[in-house]
Structure formats: structure tokens, C-alpha cells
PDB file of N, CA and C in Angstrom:
ATOM      1  N   UNK A   1      34.609-161.852 179.401  1.00  0.00           N
ATOM      2  CA  UNK A   1      34.193-160.754 180.208  1.00  0.00           C
ATOM      3  C   UNK A   1      33.241-161.281 181.271  1.00  0.00           C
ATOM      4  N   UNK A   2      33.501-160.984 182.524  1.00  0.00           N
ATOM      5  CA  UNK A   2      32.635-161.409 183.613  1.00  0.00           C
ATOM      6  C   UNK A   2      31.709-160.279 184.006  1.00  0.00           C
ATOM      7  N   UNK A   3      30.566-160.636 184.540  1.00  0.00           N
ATOM      8  CA  UNK A   3      29.641-159.620 185.033  1.00  0.00           C
ATOM      9  C   UNK A   3      30.198-159.044 186.317  1.00  0.00           C
ATOM     10  N   UNK A   4      30.015-157.784 186.481  1.00  0.00           N
ATOM     11  CA  UNK A   4      30.422-157.111 187.701  1.00  0.00           C
ATOM     12  C   UNK A   4      29.236-156.337 188.226  1.00  0.00           C
ATOM     13  N   UNK A   5      29.195-156.168 189.517  1.00  0.00           N
ATOM     14  CA  UNK A   5      28.151-155.363 190.110  1.00  0.00           C
ATOM     15  C   UNK A   5      28.785-154.113 190.673  1.00  0.00           C
ATOM     16  N   UNK A   6      28.278-152.973 190.271  1.00  0.00           N
ATOM     17  CA  UNK A   6      28.793-151.697 190.732  1.00  0.00           C
ATOM     18  C   UNK A   6      27.618-150.897 191.250  1.00  0.00           C
ATOM     19  N   UNK A   7      27.740-150.342 192.445  1.00  0.00           N
ATOM     20  CA  UNK A   7      26.688-149.496 192.977  1.00  0.00           C
ATOM     21  C   UNK A   7      26.998-148.064 192.589  1.00  0.00           C
ATOM     22  N   UNK A   8      26.207-147.509 191.704  1.00  0.00           N
ATOM     23  CA  UNK A   8      26.398-146.151 191.225  1.00  0.00           C
ATOM     24  C   UNK A   8      25.148-145.361 191.542  1.00  0.00           C
ATOM     25  N   UNK A   9      25.314-144.295 192.279  1.00  0.00           N
ATOM     26  CA  UNK A   9      24.136-143.568 192.716  1.00  0.00           C
ATOM     27  C   UNK A   9      23.905-142.251 192.003  1.00  0.00           C
ATOM     28  N   UNK A  10      24.963-141.532 191.676  1.00  0.00           N
ATOM     29  CA  UNK A  10      24.806-140.221 191.060  1.00  0.00           C
ATOM     30  C   UNK A  10      25.803-140.080 189.928  1.00  0.00           C
ATOM     31  N   UNK A  11      25.660-139.031 189.159  1.00  0.00           N
ATOM     32  CA  UNK A  11      26.595-138.790 188.060  1.00  0.00           C
ATOM     33  C   UNK A  11      28.018-138.633 188.577  1.00  0.00           C
ATOM     34  N   UNK A  12      28.211-137.952 189.698  1.00  0.00           N
ATOM     35  CA  UNK A  12      29.563-137.775 190.226  1.00  0.00           C
ATOM     36  C   UNK A  12      30.124-139.085 190.766  1.00  0.00           C
ATOM     37  N   UNK A  13      29.269-139.950 191.322  1.00  0.00           N
ATOM     38  CA  UNK A  13      29.741-141.254 191.787  1.00  0.00           C
ATOM     39  C   UNK A  13      30.192-142.099 190.608  1.00  0.00           C
ATOM     40  N   UNK A  14      29.472-142.030 189.507  1.00  0.00           N
ATOM     41  CA  UNK A  14      29.855-142.765 188.302  1.00  0.00           C
ATOM     42  C   UNK A  14      31.202-142.286 187.802  1.00  0.00           C
ATOM     43  N   UNK A  15      31.415-140.983 187.811  1.00  0.00           N
ATOM     44  CA  UNK A  15      32.690-140.427 187.368  1.00  0.00           C
ATOM     45  C   UNK A  15      33.818-140.884 188.279  1.00  0.00           C
ATOM     46  N   UNK A  16      33.574-140.894 189.585  1.00  0.00           N
ATOM     47  CA  UNK A  16      34.601-141.297 190.542  1.00  0.00           C
ATOM     48  C   UNK A  16      34.992-142.756 190.374  1.00  0.00           C
ATOM     49  N   UNK A  17      34.025-143.616 190.045  1.00  0.00           N
ATOM     50  CA  UNK A  17      34.301-145.040 189.896  1.00  0.00           C
ATOM     51  C   UNK A  17      34.789-145.417 188.504  1.00  0.00           C
ATOM     52  N   UNK A  18      34.691-144.492 187.567  1.00  0.00           N
ATOM     53  CA  UNK A  18      35.022-144.815 186.181  1.00  0.00           C
ATOM     54  C   UNK A  18      36.467-145.237 186.009  1.00  0.00           C
ATOM     55  N   UNK A  19      37.382-144.719 186.809  1.00  0.00           N
ATOM     56  CA  UNK A  19      38.786-145.089 186.698  1.00  0.00           C
ATOM     57  C   UNK A  19      39.044-146.548 187.006  1.00  0.00           C
ATOM     58  N   UNK A  20      38.062-147.235 187.540  1.00  0.00           N
ATOM     59  CA  UNK A  20      38.216-148.641 187.918  1.00  0.00           C
ATOM     60  C   UNK A  20      37.589-149.596 186.913  1.00  0.00           C
ATOM     61  N   UNK A  21      37.011-149.086 185.844  1.00  0.00           N
ATOM     62  CA  UNK A  21      36.332-149.971 184.902  1.00  0.00           C
ATOM     63  C   UNK A  21      37.267-150.385 183.769  1.00  0.00           C
ATOM     64  N   UNK A  22      36.891-151.432 183.068  1.00  0.00           N
ATOM     65  CA  UNK A  22      37.663-151.971 181.952  1.00  0.00           C
ATOM     66  C   UNK A  22      37.016-151.540 180.650  1.00  0.00           C
ATOM     67  N   UNK A  23      37.796-150.940 179.766  1.00  0.00           N
ATOM     68  CA  UNK A  23      37.273-150.446 178.494  1.00  0.00           C
ATOM     69  C   UNK A  23      36.529-151.558 177.752  1.00  0.00           C
ATOM     70  N   UNK A  24      35.295-151.278 177.363  1.00  0.00           N
ATOM     71  CA  UNK A  24      34.480-152.243 176.634  1.00  0.00           C
ATOM     72  C   UNK A  24      33.644-153.152 177.513  1.00  0.00           C
ATOM     73  N   UNK A  25      33.902-153.149 178.812  1.00  0.00           N
ATOM     74  CA  UNK A  25      33.154-154.020 179.725  1.00  0.00           C
ATOM     75  C   UNK A  25      31.783-153.433 180.021  1.00  0.00           C
ATOM     76  N   UNK A  26      30.838-154.314 180.317  1.00  0.00           N
ATOM     77  CA  UNK A  26      29.519-153.880 180.752  1.00  0.00           C
ATOM     78  C   UNK A  26      29.314-154.332 182.182  1.00  0.00           C
ATOM     79  N   UNK A  27      28.585-153.541 182.933  1.00  0.00           N
ATOM     80  CA  UNK A  27      28.387-153.775 184.350  1.00  0.00           C
ATOM     81  C   UNK A  27      26.912-153.634 184.702  1.00  0.00           C
ATOM     82  N   UNK A  28      26.490-154.406 185.697  1.00  0.00           N
ATOM     83  CA  UNK A  28      25.163-154.227 186.267  1.00  0.00           C
ATOM     84  C   UNK A  28      25.306-153.278 187.447  1.00  0.00           C
ATOM     85  N   UNK A  29      24.375-152.386 187.591  1.00  0.00           N
ATOM     86  CA  UNK A  29      24.451-151.447 188.702  1.00  0.00           C
ATOM     87  C   UNK A  29      23.130-150.747 188.924  1.00  0.00           C
ATOM     88  N   UNK A  30      23.190-149.676 189.656  1.00  0.00           N
ATOM     89  CA  UNK A  30      21.998-148.929 190.031  1.00  0.00           C
ATOM     90  C   UNK A  30      22.205-147.469 189.704  1.00  0.00           C
ATOM     91  N   UNK A  31      21.119-146.768 189.465  1.00  0.00           N
ATOM     92  CA  UNK A  31      21.182-145.339 189.200  1.00  0.00           C
ATOM     93  C   UNK A  31      20.066-144.666 189.977  1.00  0.00           C
ATOM     94  N   UNK A  32      20.443-143.675 190.773  1.00  0.00           N
ATOM     95  CA  UNK A  32      19.473-142.932 191.568  1.00  0.00           C
ATOM     96  C   UNK A  32      19.071-141.675 190.818  1.00  0.00           C
ATOM     97  N   UNK A  33      17.792-141.545 190.557  1.00  0.00           N
ATOM     98  CA  UNK A  33      17.258-140.309 189.984  1.00  0.00           C
ATOM     99  C   UNK A  33      16.618-139.559 191.141  1.00  0.00           C
ATOM    100  N   UNK A  34      17.184-138.419 191.486  1.00  0.00           N
ATOM    101  CA  UNK A  34      16.662-137.648 192.607  1.00  0.00           C
ATOM    102  C   UNK A  34      16.843-136.163 192.351  1.00  0.00           C
ATOM    103  N   UNK A  35      15.782-135.423 192.486  1.00  0.00           N
ATOM    104  CA  UNK A  35      15.865-133.971 192.360  1.00  0.00           C
ATOM    105  C   UNK A  35      16.443-133.337 193.616  1.00  0.00           C
ATOM    106  N   UNK A  36      16.621-134.118 194.678  1.00  0.00           N
ATOM    107  CA  UNK A  36      17.102-133.575 195.947  1.00  0.00           C
ATOM    108  C   UNK A  36      18.612-133.664 196.106  1.00  0.00           C
ATOM    109  N   UNK A  37      19.311-134.338 195.183  1.00  0.00           N
ATOM    110  CA  UNK A  37      20.757-134.510 195.304  1.00  0.00           C
ATOM    111  C   UNK A  37      21.480-133.189 195.062  1.00  0.00           C
ATOM    112  N   UNK A  38      20.916-132.336 194.235  1.00  0.00           N
ATOM    113  CA  UNK A  38      21.540-131.054 193.963  1.00  0.00           C
ATOM    114  C   UNK A  38      22.530-131.083 192.820  1.00  0.00           C
ATOM    115  N   UNK A  39      22.586-132.173 192.080  1.00  0.00           N
ATOM    116  CA  UNK A  39      23.475-132.250 190.928  1.00  0.00           C
ATOM    117  C   UNK A  39      22.692-131.913 189.672  1.00  0.00           C
ATOM    118  N   UNK A  40      23.266-131.080 188.800  1.00  0.00           N
ATOM    119  CA  UNK A  40      22.553-130.772 187.564  1.00  0.00           C
ATOM    120  C   UNK A  40      22.478-132.001 186.667  1.00  0.00           C
ATOM    121  N   UNK A  41      21.360-132.191 185.984  1.00  0.00           N
ATOM    122  CA  UNK A  41      21.236-133.277 185.019  1.00  0.00           C
ATOM    123  C   UNK A  41      21.883-132.846 183.717  1.00  0.00           C
ATOM    124  N   UNK A  42      22.752-133.668 183.173  1.00  0.00           N
ATOM    125  CA  UNK A  42      23.377-133.400 181.883  1.00  0.00           C
ATOM    126  C   UNK A  42      22.635-134.213 180.830  1.00  0.00           C
ATOM    127  N   UNK A  43      22.680-133.784 179.557  1.00  0.00           N
ATOM    128  CA  UNK A  43      21.949-134.501 178.509  1.00  0.00           C
ATOM    129  C   UNK A  43      22.328-135.971 178.396  1.00  0.00           C
ATOM    130  N   UNK A  44      23.572-136.326 178.726  1.00  0.00           N
ATOM    131  CA  UNK A  44      23.986-137.721 178.597  1.00  0.00           C
ATOM    132  C   UNK A  44      23.579-138.575 179.798  1.00  0.00           C
ATOM    133  N   UNK A  45      23.065-137.962 180.841  1.00  0.00           N
ATOM    134  CA  UNK A  45      22.656-138.712 182.025  1.00  0.00           C
ATOM    135  C   UNK A  45      21.407-139.535 181.747  1.00  0.00           C
ATOM    136  N   UNK A  46      21.332-140.690 182.365  1.00  0.00           N
ATOM    137  CA  UNK A  46      20.157-141.542 182.220  1.00  0.00           C
ATOM    138  C   UNK A  46      18.906-140.840 182.737  1.00  0.00           C
ATOM    139  N   UNK A  47      19.078-139.999 183.749  1.00  0.00           N
ATOM    140  CA  UNK A  47      17.927-139.294 184.307  1.00  0.00           C
ATOM    141  C   UNK A  47      17.218-138.476 183.245  1.00  0.00           C
ATOM    142  N   UNK A  48      17.973-137.849 182.380  1.00  0.00           N
ATOM    143  CA  UNK A  48      17.376-137.039 181.322  1.00  0.00           C
ATOM    144  C   UNK A  48      16.664-137.931 180.317  1.00  0.00           C
ATOM    145  N   UNK A  49      17.247-139.089 180.026  1.00  0.00           N
ATOM    146  CA  UNK A  49      16.613-140.020 179.092  1.00  0.00           C
ATOM    147  C   UNK A  49      15.323-140.588 179.687  1.00  0.00           C
ATOM    148  N   UNK A  50      15.330-140.805 180.999  1.00  0.00           N
ATOM    149  CA  UNK A  50      14.155-141.366 181.672  1.00  0.00           C
ATOM    150  C   UNK A  50      13.048-140.344 181.839  1.00  0.00           C
ATOM    151  N   UNK A  51      13.411-139.164 182.215  1.00  0.00           N
ATOM    152  CA  UNK A  51      12.423-138.151 182.580  1.00  0.00           C
ATOM    153  C   UNK A  51      12.747-136.837 181.893  1.00  0.00           C
ATOM    154  N   UNK A  52      12.414-136.706 180.631  1.00  0.00           N
ATOM    155  CA  UNK A  52      12.705-135.457 179.939  1.00  0.00           C
ATOM    156  C   UNK A  52      11.973-134.289 180.590  1.00  0.00           C
ATOM    157  N   UNK A  53      12.598-133.140 180.522  1.00  0.00           N
ATOM    158  CA  UNK A  53      11.999-131.967 181.148  1.00  0.00           C
ATOM    159  C   UNK A  53      12.082-132.059 182.653  1.00  0.00           C
ATOM    160  N   UNK A  54      11.021-131.715 183.327  1.00  0.00           N
ATOM    161  CA  UNK A  54      11.028-131.718 184.794  1.00  0.00           C
ATOM    162  C   UNK A  54      10.114-132.797 185.357  1.00  0.00           C
ATOM    163  N   UNK A  55       9.895-133.872 184.600  1.00  0.00           N
ATOM    164  CA  UNK A  55       8.946-134.903 185.030  1.00  0.00           C
ATOM    165  C   UNK A  55       9.591-136.013 185.848  1.00  0.00           C
ATOM    166  N   UNK A  56      10.811-135.805 186.350  1.00  0.00           N
ATOM    167  CA  UNK A  56      11.514-136.860 187.088  1.00  0.00           C
ATOM    168  C   UNK A  56      10.811-137.202 188.397  1.00  0.00           C
ATOM    169  N   UNK A  57      10.717-138.487 188.652  1.00  0.00           N
ATOM    170  CA  UNK A  57      10.261-138.999 189.931  1.00  0.00           C
ATOM    171  C   UNK A  57      11.485-139.577 190.628  1.00  0.00           C
ATOM    172  N   UNK A  58      11.620-139.340 191.926  1.00  0.00           N
ATOM    173  CA  UNK A  58      12.732-139.927 192.661  1.00  0.00           C
ATOM    174  C   UNK A  58      12.582-141.445 192.649  1.00  0.00           C
ATOM    175  N   UNK A  59      13.599-142.135 192.175  1.00  0.00           N
ATOM    176  CA  UNK A  59      13.553-143.594 192.099  1.00  0.00           C
ATOM    177  C   UNK A  59      14.953-144.135 191.879  1.00  0.00           C
ATOM    178  N   UNK A  60      15.140-145.409 192.206  1.00  0.00           N
ATOM    179  CA  UNK A  60      16.395-146.107 191.930  1.00  0.00           C
ATOM    180  C   UNK A  60      16.103-147.120 190.839  1.00  0.00           C
ATOM    181  N   UNK A  61      16.923-147.114 189.805  1.00  0.00           N
ATOM    182  CA  UNK A  61      16.724-147.995 188.660  1.00  0.00           C
ATOM    183  C   UNK A  61      17.877-148.979 188.538  1.00  0.00           C
ATOM    184  N   UNK A  62      17.562-150.247 188.229  1.00  0.00           N
ATOM    185  CA  UNK A  62      18.566-151.258 187.912  1.00  0.00           C
ATOM    186  C   UNK A  62      18.981-150.999 186.463  1.00  0.00           C
ATOM    187  N   UNK A  63      20.280-150.775 186.245  1.00  0.00           N
ATOM    188  CA  UNK A  63      20.752-150.269 184.959  1.00  0.00           C
ATOM    189  C   UNK A  63      21.961-151.055 184.460  1.00  0.00           C
ATOM    190  N   UNK A  64      22.055-151.200 183.144  1.00  0.00           N
ATOM    191  CA  UNK A  64      23.232-151.759 182.488  1.00  0.00           C
ATOM    192  C   UNK A  64      24.146-150.594 182.124  1.00  0.00           C
ATOM    193  N   UNK A  65      25.399-150.668 182.555  1.00  0.00           N
ATOM    194  CA  UNK A  65      26.398-149.628 182.300  1.00  0.00           C
ATOM    195  C   UNK A  65      27.450-150.169 181.346  1.00  0.00           C
ATOM    196  N   UNK A  66      28.115-149.283 180.619  1.00  0.00           N
ATOM    197  CA  UNK A  66      29.236-149.685 179.779  1.00  0.00           C
ATOM    198  C   UNK A  66      30.421-148.773 180.057  1.00  0.00           C
ATOM    199  N   UNK A  67      31.612-149.325 179.940  1.00  0.00           N
ATOM    200  CA  UNK A  67      32.848-148.570 180.142  1.00  0.00           C
ATOM    201  C   UNK A  67      33.448-148.262 178.780  1.00  0.00           C
ATOM    202  N   UNK A  68      33.639-146.996 178.491  1.00  0.00           N
ATOM    203  CA  UNK A  68      34.170-146.590 177.194  1.00  0.00           C
ATOM    204  C   UNK A  68      35.637-146.222 177.261  1.00  0.00           C
ATOM    205  N   UNK A  69      36.120-145.644 176.182  1.00  0.00           N
ATOM    206  CA  UNK A  69      37.499-145.186 176.137  1.00  0.00           C
ATOM    207  C   UNK A  69      37.697-144.123 177.201  1.00  0.00           C
ATOM    208  N   UNK A  70      38.909-143.982 177.660  1.00  0.00           N
ATOM    209  CA  UNK A  70      39.253-143.034 178.726  1.00  0.00           C
ATOM    210  C   UNK A  70      38.506-143.349 180.013  1.00  0.00           C
ATOM    211  N   UNK A  71      38.075-144.593 180.173  1.00  0.00           N
ATOM    212  CA  UNK A  71      37.384-145.045 181.387  1.00  0.00           C
ATOM    213  C   UNK A  71      36.147-144.228 181.723  1.00  0.00           C
ATOM    214  N   UNK A  72      35.446-143.739 180.700  1.00  0.00           N
ATOM    215  CA  UNK A  72      34.186-143.055 180.990  1.00  0.00           C
ATOM    216  C   UNK A  72      33.080-144.100 181.046  1.00  0.00           C
ATOM    217  N   UNK A  73      32.333-144.085 182.128  1.00  0.00           N
ATOM    218  CA  UNK A  73      31.266-145.068 182.310  1.00  0.00           C
ATOM    219  C   UNK A  73      29.932-144.362 182.086  1.00  0.00           C
ATOM    220  N   UNK A  74      29.052-145.031 181.376  1.00  0.00           N
ATOM    221  CA  UNK A  74      27.772-144.394 181.090  1.00  0.00           C
ATOM    222  C   UNK A  74      26.652-145.429 181.109  1.00  0.00           C
ATOM    223  N   UNK A  75      25.457-144.983 181.522  1.00  0.00           N
ATOM    224  CA  UNK A  75      24.316-145.886 181.551  1.00  0.00           C
ATOM    225  C   UNK A  75      23.859-146.205 180.138  1.00  0.00           C
ATOM    226  N   UNK A  76      23.532-147.475 179.896  1.00  0.00           N
ATOM    227  CA  UNK A  76      23.101-147.907 178.572  1.00  0.00           C
ATOM    228  C   UNK A  76      21.582-148.027 178.521  1.00  0.00           C
ATOM    229  N   UNK A  77      21.019-148.749 179.489  1.00  0.00           N
ATOM    230  CA  UNK A  77      19.573-148.933 179.508  1.00  0.00           C
ATOM    231  C   UNK A  77      19.106-149.391 180.870  1.00  0.00           C
ATOM    232  N   UNK A  78      17.824-149.177 181.123  1.00  0.00           N
ATOM    233  CA  UNK A  78      17.207-149.664 182.348  1.00  0.00           C
ATOM    234  C   UNK A  78      16.915-151.143 182.169  1.00  0.00           C
ATOM    235  N   UNK A  79      17.184-151.928 183.196  1.00  0.00           N
ATOM    236  CA  UNK A  79      16.890-153.364 183.167  1.00  0.00           C
ATOM    237  C   UNK A  79      15.633-153.596 184.009  1.00  0.00           C
ATOM    238  N   UNK A  80      14.483-153.557 183.372  1.00  0.00           N
ATOM    239  CA  UNK A  80      13.212-153.663 184.091  1.00  0.00           C
ATOM    240  C   UNK A  80      13.044-155.018 184.766  1.00  0.00           C
ATOM    241  N   UNK A  81      13.656-156.070 184.220  1.00  0.00           N
ATOM    242  CA  UNK A  81      13.553-157.405 184.808  1.00  0.00           C
ATOM    243  C   UNK A  81      14.855-157.843 185.447  1.00  0.00           C
ATOM    244  N   UNK A  82      15.696-156.896 185.833  1.00  0.00           N
ATOM    245  CA  UNK A  82      16.959-157.203 186.480  1.00  0.00           C
ATOM    246  C   UNK A  82      18.108-157.280 185.497  1.00  0.00           C
ATOM    247  N   UNK A  83      19.301-157.317 186.041  1.00  0.00           N
ATOM    248  CA  UNK A  83      20.540-157.376 185.265  1.00  0.00           C
ATOM    249  C   UNK A  83      21.320-158.592 185.746  1.00  0.00           C
ATOM    250  N   UNK A  84      21.892-159.366 184.828  1.00  0.00           N
ATOM    251  CA  UNK A  84      22.575-160.585 185.230  1.00  0.00           C
ATOM    252  C   UNK A  84      23.813-160.874 184.417  1.00  0.00           C
ATOM    253  N   UNK A  85      24.415-162.030 184.667  1.00  0.00           N
ATOM    254  CA  UNK A  85      25.644-162.427 184.007  1.00  0.00           C
ATOM    255  C   UNK A  85      25.589-163.888 183.634  1.00  0.00           C
ATOM    256  N   UNK A  86      26.704-164.532 183.262  1.00  0.00           N
ATOM    257  CA  UNK A  86      28.065-164.068 183.530  1.00  0.00           C
ATOM    258  C   UNK A  86      28.493-162.872 182.683  1.00  0.00           C
ATOM    259  N   UNK A  87      27.988-162.693 181.476  1.00  0.00           N
ATOM    260  CA  UNK A  87      28.223-161.443 180.763  1.00  0.00           C
ATOM    261  C   UNK A  87      27.089-160.508 181.157  1.00  0.00           C
ATOM    262  N   UNK A  88      27.424-159.330 181.632  1.00  0.00           N
ATOM    263  CA  UNK A  88      26.395-158.406 182.105  1.00  0.00           C
ATOM    264  C   UNK A  88      25.397-158.114 180.990  1.00  0.00           C
ATOM    265  N   UNK A  89      24.120-158.281 181.308  1.00  0.00           N
ATOM    266  CA  UNK A  89      23.054-158.026 180.344  1.00  0.00           C
ATOM    267  C   UNK A  89      21.739-157.833 181.093  1.00  0.00           C
ATOM    268  N   UNK A  90      20.798-157.159 180.444  1.00  0.00           N
ATOM    269  CA  UNK A  90      19.458-157.044 181.019  1.00  0.00           C
ATOM    270  C   UNK A  90      18.719-158.354 180.799  1.00  0.00           C
ATOM    271  N   UNK A  91      18.003-158.810 181.830  1.00  0.00           N
ATOM    272  CA  UNK A  91      17.222-160.046 181.721  1.00  0.00           C
ATOM    273  C   UNK A  91      15.931-159.801 180.980  1.00  0.00           C
TER     274      UNK A  91
END
């Protein structure tokens, strides 16, 4: 499995790009937490895990993503020291 870089900004962008991922693969990417985007936060979104309730601060996070069955892509964890490869992982 090679590391891939995917720019993912919102929950809908992640859904749109999910059809291009490989089941079981992990990817390095970005996640935008913004109250101004107008998208509702779902419980499975990283934004909810990062900022429970209404305490979200607008920020972009370097994140490790995984591709599951049915090509659903979901954030796994924030990579505070960056994300790298050749197998995608948090540094």
C-alpha cells in the first residue's frame, strides 16, 4: 500500500472523492472545520470529535483517513506532527 495525498475539505468533498479510494487503504489529507461552510456536522465527522458541542474553531487539520467498504472514506485521527508514508501514517 502506498501513501496517497488527498485534499479533503468538507464532509461532502470526502463523499465525492470516496469513489476513488481503495478499500482498506489509508490516506494523508486535510480536513477543514468551519462553521461558515453551512454543512451540518454529523456524529461521525471529525469536526464533532474535535469540537464537541458548539466549541468548534475554524481550522484546517492534517488528518489520517481510511477507506472502508463501499468506498466510504472517514477521518481516523489528527496528525499533529504531520502525515507521511510510504504507508500513510501519522508521524
